[in-house]
Amino acid sequence: MSAAKTVYKPLSIASSVVGGLIAGKIFTEIWQRINPDDEEPDPKDLSRTAREVFIAAAVQGLIVGVVRAALARGQAKGFAALTDEDLS
């Protein structure tokens, strides 16, 4: 494993954490626009409908997946551009 790939791994982990925070903020903003009077549903809150909880989970999962893929793709392209090495 090259030195550049060794440095890439911790940066990738840090980026994933930041991506999770960004995805959480995006989800909160979207949920506030969909339902401004209410917070996102907690799956353990039995006063919320299962439909509402599952829709919120699906939207949140979609956002997290897209943000993670976008960050990973950008990191891979940046790594390849800087080092002329492929991550695979």
C-alpha atoms as a PDB file:
ATOM      1  CA  MET A   1       0.000   0.000   0.000  1.00  0.00           C
ATOM      2  CA  SER A   2       1.381   3.387  -0.950  1.00  0.00           C
ATOM      3  CA  ALA A   3       1.873   6.272   1.464  1.00  0.00           C
ATOM      4  CA  ALA A   4      -0.856   8.235  -0.302  1.00  0.00           C
ATOM      5  CA  LYS A   5      -3.363   5.420   0.222  1.00  0.00           C
ATOM      6  CA  THR A   6      -2.363   5.219   3.883  1.00  0.00           C
ATOM      7  CA  VAL A   7      -3.182   8.917   4.320  1.00  0.00           C
ATOM      8  CA  TYR A   8      -6.399   8.563   2.324  1.00  0.00           C
ATOM      9  CA  LYS A   9      -8.039   6.160   4.805  1.00  0.00           C
ATOM     10  CA  PRO A  10      -8.186   8.516   7.864  1.00  0.00           C
ATOM     11  CA  LEU A  11      -9.286  11.397   5.663  1.00  0.00           C
ATOM     12  CA  SER A  12     -12.029   9.196   4.248  1.00  0.00           C
ATOM     13  CA  ILE A  13     -13.248   8.323   7.755  1.00  0.00           C
ATOM     14  CA  ALA A  14     -13.291  11.982   8.794  1.00  0.00           C
ATOM     15  CA  SER A  15     -15.157  12.874   5.630  1.00  0.00           C
ATOM     16  CA  SER A  16     -17.744  10.183   6.366  1.00  0.00           C
ATOM     17  CA  VAL A  17     -18.398  11.698   9.789  1.00  0.00           C
ATOM     18  CA  VAL A  18     -18.786  15.158   8.281  1.00  0.00           C
ATOM     19  CA  GLY A  19     -21.018  13.688   5.588  1.00  0.00           C
ATOM     20  CA  GLY A  20     -23.255  12.165   8.252  1.00  0.00           C
ATOM     21  CA  LEU A  21     -23.584  15.540   9.945  1.00  0.00           C
ATOM     22  CA  ILE A  22     -24.387  17.214   6.634  1.00  0.00           C
ATOM     23  CA  ALA A  23     -26.952  14.535   5.766  1.00  0.00           C
ATOM     24  CA  GLY A  24     -28.584  14.938   9.185  1.00  0.00           C
ATOM     25  CA  LYS A  25     -28.871  18.685   8.679  1.00  0.00           C
ATOM     26  CA  ILE A  26     -30.308  18.246   5.178  1.00  0.00           C
ATOM     27  CA  PHE A  27     -32.873  15.749   6.488  1.00  0.00           C
ATOM     28  CA  THR A  28     -33.898  18.084   9.314  1.00  0.00           C
ATOM     29  CA  GLU A  29     -34.347  20.959   6.854  1.00  0.00           C
ATOM     30  CA  ILE A  30     -36.415  18.842   4.481  1.00  0.00           C
ATOM     31  CA  TRP A  31     -38.561  17.489   7.316  1.00  0.00           C
ATOM     32  CA  GLN A  32     -39.162  21.015   8.616  1.00  0.00           C
ATOM     33  CA  ARG A  33     -40.380  22.078   5.167  1.00  0.00           C
ATOM     34  CA  ILE A  34     -42.651  19.047   4.824  1.00  0.00           C
ATOM     35  CA  ASN A  35     -44.067  19.314   8.344  1.00  0.00           C
ATOM     36  CA  PRO A  36     -43.080  22.662   9.922  1.00  0.00           C
ATOM     37  CA  ASP A  37     -45.084  22.135  13.120  1.00  0.00           C
ATOM     38  CA  ASP A  38     -43.469  18.856  14.063  1.00  0.00           C
ATOM     39  CA  GLU A  39     -40.067  17.265  14.659  1.00  0.00           C
ATOM     40  CA  GLU A  40     -38.963  14.191  12.770  1.00  0.00           C
ATOM     41  CA  PRO A  41     -40.562  11.065  14.244  1.00  0.00           C
ATOM     42  CA  ASP A  42     -38.699   8.856  16.664  1.00  0.00           C
ATOM     43  CA  PRO A  43     -39.295   5.180  15.848  1.00  0.00           C
ATOM     44  CA  LYS A  44     -39.854   4.449  19.564  1.00  0.00           C
ATOM     45  CA  ASP A  45     -42.597   7.087  19.830  1.00  0.00           C
ATOM     46  CA  LEU A  46     -45.753   4.979  19.652  1.00  0.00           C
ATOM     47  CA  SER A  47     -47.958   8.035  19.258  1.00  0.00           C
ATOM     48  CA  ARG A  48     -46.599   8.398  15.699  1.00  0.00           C
ATOM     49  CA  THR A  49     -47.973   6.258  12.905  1.00  0.00           C
ATOM     50  CA  ALA A  50     -45.835   3.506  11.450  1.00  0.00           C
ATOM     51  CA  ARG A  51     -46.325   5.057   8.029  1.00  0.00           C
ATOM     52  CA  GLU A  52     -44.889   8.382   9.191  1.00  0.00           C
ATOM     53  CA  VAL A  53     -41.913   6.698  10.871  1.00  0.00           C
ATOM     54  CA  PHE A  54     -41.144   4.547   7.818  1.00  0.00           C
ATOM     55  CA  ILE A  55     -41.426   7.453   5.398  1.00  0.00           C
ATOM     56  CA  ALA A  56     -39.067   9.517   7.546  1.00  0.00           C
ATOM     57  CA  ALA A  57     -36.602   6.616   7.743  1.00  0.00           C
ATOM     58  CA  ALA A  58     -36.723   6.091   3.980  1.00  0.00           C
ATOM     59  CA  VAL A  59     -36.139   9.775   3.250  1.00  0.00           C
ATOM     60  CA  GLN A  60     -33.313   9.913   5.768  1.00  0.00           C
ATOM     61  CA  GLY A  61     -31.696   6.771   4.321  1.00  0.00           C
ATOM     62  CA  LEU A  62     -31.931   8.173   0.813  1.00  0.00           C
ATOM     63  CA  ILE A  63     -30.288  11.432   1.845  1.00  0.00           C
ATOM     64  CA  VAL A  64     -27.498   9.685   3.763  1.00  0.00           C
ATOM     65  CA  GLY A  65     -26.810   7.359   0.829  1.00  0.00           C
ATOM     66  CA  VAL A  66     -26.654  10.163  -1.707  1.00  0.00           C
ATOM     67  CA  VAL A  67     -24.427  12.362   0.472  1.00  0.00           C
ATOM     68  CA  ARG A  68     -22.049   9.471   1.229  1.00  0.00           C
ATOM     69  CA  ALA A  69     -21.831   8.473  -2.440  1.00  0.00           C
ATOM     70  CA  ALA A  70     -21.195  12.065  -3.522  1.00  0.00           C
ATOM     71  CA  LEU A  71     -18.437  12.512  -0.947  1.00  0.00           C
ATOM     72  CA  ALA A  72     -16.810   9.166  -1.752  1.00  0.00           C
ATOM     73  CA  ARG A  73     -16.915   9.928  -5.472  1.00  0.00           C
ATOM     74  CA  GLY A  74     -15.398  13.376  -4.940  1.00  0.00           C
ATOM     75  CA  GLN A  75     -12.682  11.972  -2.707  1.00  0.00           C
ATOM     76  CA  ALA A  76     -11.776   9.273  -5.213  1.00  0.00           C
ATOM     77  CA  LYS A  77     -11.585  11.787  -8.051  1.00  0.00           C
ATOM     78  CA  GLY A  78      -9.520  14.193  -5.957  1.00  0.00           C
ATOM     79  CA  PHE A  79      -7.173  11.414  -4.848  1.00  0.00           C
ATOM     80  CA  ALA A  80      -6.684  10.245  -8.428  1.00  0.00           C
ATOM     81  CA  ALA A  81      -6.048  13.788  -9.626  1.00  0.00           C
ATOM     82  CA  LEU A  82      -3.490  14.516  -6.908  1.00  0.00           C
ATOM     83  CA  THR A  83      -1.622  11.213  -6.893  1.00  0.00           C
ATOM     84  CA  ASP A  84      -2.222   9.622 -10.304  1.00  0.00           C
ATOM     85  CA  GLU A  85      -3.124   6.431  -8.369  1.00  0.00           C
ATOM     86  CA  ASP A  86      -6.311   4.410  -8.530  1.00  0.00           C
ATOM     87  CA  LEU A  87      -8.003   3.431  -5.260  1.00  0.00           C
ATOM     88  CA  SER A  88      -9.134   0.002  -6.480  1.00  0.00           C
END
